[in-house]
Amino acid sequence: NLNEKALNDMENDTYSKGFLLEMETIEEIDNIIR
């Protein structure tokens, strides 16, 4: 099913973007603490 694949791709994309954002935030907090 093409729609399901598109939905999965979207979910994965959102997930990886959220993950990257979180990593950036953690780095910023790290810099503030130091």
PDB file of N, CA and C in Angstrom:
ATOM      1  N   ASN A   1       0.858  -1.194   0.000  1.00  0.00           N
ATOM      2  CA  ASN A   1       0.000   0.000   0.000  1.00  0.00           C
ATOM      3  C   ASN A   1       0.893   1.243   0.000  1.00  0.00           C
ATOM      4  N   LEU A   2       0.725   2.062  -1.010  1.00  0.00           N
ATOM      5  CA  LEU A   2       1.580   3.239  -1.189  1.00  0.00           C
ATOM      6  C   LEU A   2       1.342   4.263  -0.080  1.00  0.00           C
ATOM      7  N   ASN A   3       0.075   4.444   0.291  1.00  0.00           N
ATOM      8  CA  ASN A   3      -0.243   5.424   1.336  1.00  0.00           C
ATOM      9  C   ASN A   3       0.429   5.059   2.648  1.00  0.00           C
ATOM     10  N   GLU A   4       0.416   3.778   2.976  1.00  0.00           N
ATOM     11  CA  GLU A   4       1.038   3.333   4.226  1.00  0.00           C
ATOM     12  C   GLU A   4       2.525   3.629   4.211  1.00  0.00           C
ATOM     13  N   LYS A   5       3.160   3.383   3.057  1.00  0.00           N
ATOM     14  CA  LYS A   5       4.599   3.626   2.963  1.00  0.00           C
ATOM     15  C   LYS A   5       4.885   5.119   3.135  1.00  0.00           C
ATOM     16  N   ALA A   6       4.086   5.954   2.504  1.00  0.00           N
ATOM     17  CA  ALA A   6       4.283   7.399   2.623  1.00  0.00           C
ATOM     18  C   ALA A   6       4.119   7.833   4.071  1.00  0.00           C
ATOM     19  N   LEU A   7       3.133   7.249   4.742  1.00  0.00           N
ATOM     20  CA  LEU A   7       2.879   7.589   6.141  1.00  0.00           C
ATOM     21  C   LEU A   7       4.071   7.177   7.001  1.00  0.00           C
ATOM     22  N   ASN A   8       4.591   5.983   6.744  1.00  0.00           N
ATOM     23  CA  ASN A   8       5.739   5.495   7.512  1.00  0.00           C
ATOM     24  C   ASN A   8       6.948   6.390   7.283  1.00  0.00           C
ATOM     25  N   ASP A   9       7.162   6.780   6.028  1.00  0.00           N
ATOM     26  CA  ASP A   9       8.296   7.647   5.715  1.00  0.00           C
ATOM     27  C   ASP A   9       8.163   8.966   6.468  1.00  0.00           C
ATOM     28  N   MET A  10       6.937   9.501   6.496  1.00  0.00           N
ATOM     29  CA  MET A  10       6.690  10.760   7.181  1.00  0.00           C
ATOM     30  C   MET A  10       6.981  10.619   8.673  1.00  0.00           C
ATOM     31  N   GLU A  11       6.526   9.519   9.252  1.00  0.00           N
ATOM     32  CA  GLU A  11       6.748   9.283  10.680  1.00  0.00           C
ATOM     33  C   GLU A  11       8.237   9.179  10.970  1.00  0.00           C
ATOM     34  N   ASN A  12       8.956   8.441  10.130  1.00  0.00           N
ATOM     35  CA  ASN A  12      10.400   8.282  10.324  1.00  0.00           C
ATOM     36  C   ASN A  12      11.095   9.628  10.207  1.00  0.00           C
ATOM     37  N   ASP A  13      10.658  10.438   9.237  1.00  0.00           N
ATOM     38  CA  ASP A  13      11.254  11.745   9.011  1.00  0.00           C
ATOM     39  C   ASP A  13      11.038  12.631  10.235  1.00  0.00           C
ATOM     40  N   THR A  14       9.808  12.635  10.716  1.00  0.00           N
ATOM     41  CA  THR A  14       9.481  13.440  11.899  1.00  0.00           C
ATOM     42  C   THR A  14      10.307  12.972  13.076  1.00  0.00           C
ATOM     43  N   TYR A  15      10.454  11.661  13.197  1.00  0.00           N
ATOM     44  CA  TYR A  15      11.195  11.090  14.322  1.00  0.00           C
ATOM     45  C   TYR A  15      12.661  11.523  14.269  1.00  0.00           C
ATOM     46  N   SER A  16      13.275  11.411  13.079  1.00  0.00           N
ATOM     47  CA  SER A  16      14.695  11.750  12.997  1.00  0.00           C
ATOM     48  C   SER A  16      14.903  13.244  13.184  1.00  0.00           C
ATOM     49  N   LYS A  17      13.965  14.076  12.702  1.00  0.00           N
ATOM     50  CA  LYS A  17      14.095  15.519  12.915  1.00  0.00           C
ATOM     51  C   LYS A  17      14.013  15.822  14.400  1.00  0.00           C
ATOM     52  N   GLY A  18      13.056  15.192  15.084  1.00  0.00           N
ATOM     53  CA  GLY A  18      12.905  15.404  16.519  1.00  0.00           C
ATOM     54  C   GLY A  18      14.144  14.951  17.263  1.00  0.00           C
ATOM     55  N   PHE A  19      14.704  13.834  16.816  1.00  0.00           N
ATOM     56  CA  PHE A  19      15.901  13.298  17.456  1.00  0.00           C
ATOM     57  C   PHE A  19      17.066  14.274  17.301  1.00  0.00           C
ATOM     58  N   LEU A  20      17.246  14.800  16.079  1.00  0.00           N
ATOM     59  CA  LEU A  20      18.337  15.740  15.827  1.00  0.00           C
ATOM     60  C   LEU A  20      18.156  16.998  16.654  1.00  0.00           C
ATOM     61  N   LEU A  21      16.912  17.486  16.718  1.00  0.00           N
ATOM     62  CA  LEU A  21      16.631  18.684  17.514  1.00  0.00           C
ATOM     63  C   LEU A  21      17.007  18.444  18.969  1.00  0.00           C
ATOM     64  N   GLU A  22      16.663  17.267  19.471  1.00  0.00           N
ATOM     65  CA  GLU A  22      16.958  16.941  20.856  1.00  0.00           C
ATOM     66  C   GLU A  22      18.462  16.928  21.087  1.00  0.00           C
ATOM     67  N   MET A  23      19.210  16.346  20.157  1.00  0.00           N
ATOM     68  CA  MET A  23      20.660  16.276  20.288  1.00  0.00           C
ATOM     69  C   MET A  23      21.241  17.688  20.334  1.00  0.00           C
ATOM     70  N   GLU A  24      20.741  18.575  19.477  1.00  0.00           N
ATOM     71  CA  GLU A  24      21.228  19.954  19.449  1.00  0.00           C
ATOM     72  C   GLU A  24      20.955  20.634  20.779  1.00  0.00           C
ATOM     73  N   THR A  25      19.763  20.425  21.301  1.00  0.00           N
ATOM     74  CA  THR A  25      19.388  21.039  22.579  1.00  0.00           C
ATOM     75  C   THR A  25      20.299  20.543  23.687  1.00  0.00           C
ATOM     76  N   ILE A  26      20.581  19.254  23.682  1.00  0.00           N
ATOM     77  CA  ILE A  26      21.455  18.678  24.710  1.00  0.00           C
ATOM     78  C   ILE A  26      22.846  19.299  24.619  1.00  0.00           C
ATOM     79  N   GLU A  27      23.330  19.508  23.411  1.00  0.00           N
ATOM     80  CA  GLU A  27      24.652  20.113  23.230  1.00  0.00           C
ATOM     81  C   GLU A  27      24.658  21.533  23.777  1.00  0.00           C
ATOM     82  N   GLU A  28      23.572  22.278  23.497  1.00  0.00           N
ATOM     83  CA  GLU A  28      23.484  23.656  23.982  1.00  0.00           C
ATOM     84  C   GLU A  28      23.497  23.685  25.504  1.00  0.00           C
ATOM     85  N   ILE A  29      22.724  22.813  26.118  1.00  0.00           N
ATOM     86  CA  ILE A  29      22.669  22.746  27.581  1.00  0.00           C
ATOM     87  C   ILE A  29      24.055  22.398  28.117  1.00  0.00           C
ATOM     88  N   ASP A  30      24.732  21.486  27.441  1.00  0.00           N
ATOM     89  CA  ASP A  30      26.095  21.096  27.820  1.00  0.00           C
ATOM     90  C   ASP A  30      27.003  22.322  27.850  1.00  0.00           C
ATOM     91  N   ASN A  31      26.896  23.154  26.809  1.00  0.00           N
ATOM     92  CA  ASN A  31      27.752  24.334  26.714  1.00  0.00           C
ATOM     93  C   ASN A  31      27.438  25.329  27.821  1.00  0.00           C
ATOM     94  N   ILE A  32      26.154  25.445  28.172  1.00  0.00           N
ATOM     95  CA  ILE A  32      25.760  26.387  29.221  1.00  0.00           C
ATOM     96  C   ILE A  32      26.304  25.920  30.568  1.00  0.00           C
ATOM     97  N   ILE A  33      26.247  24.629  30.802  1.00  0.00           N
ATOM     98  CA  ILE A  33      26.684  24.077  32.089  1.00  0.00           C
ATOM     99  C   ILE A  33      28.184  24.275  32.268  1.00  0.00           C
ATOM    100  N   ARG A  34      28.943  24.111  31.207  1.00  0.00           N
ATOM    101  CA  ARG A  34      30.396  24.205  31.306  1.00  0.00           C
ATOM    102  C   ARG A  34      30.862  25.631  31.508  1.00  0.00           C
TER     103      ARG A  34
END
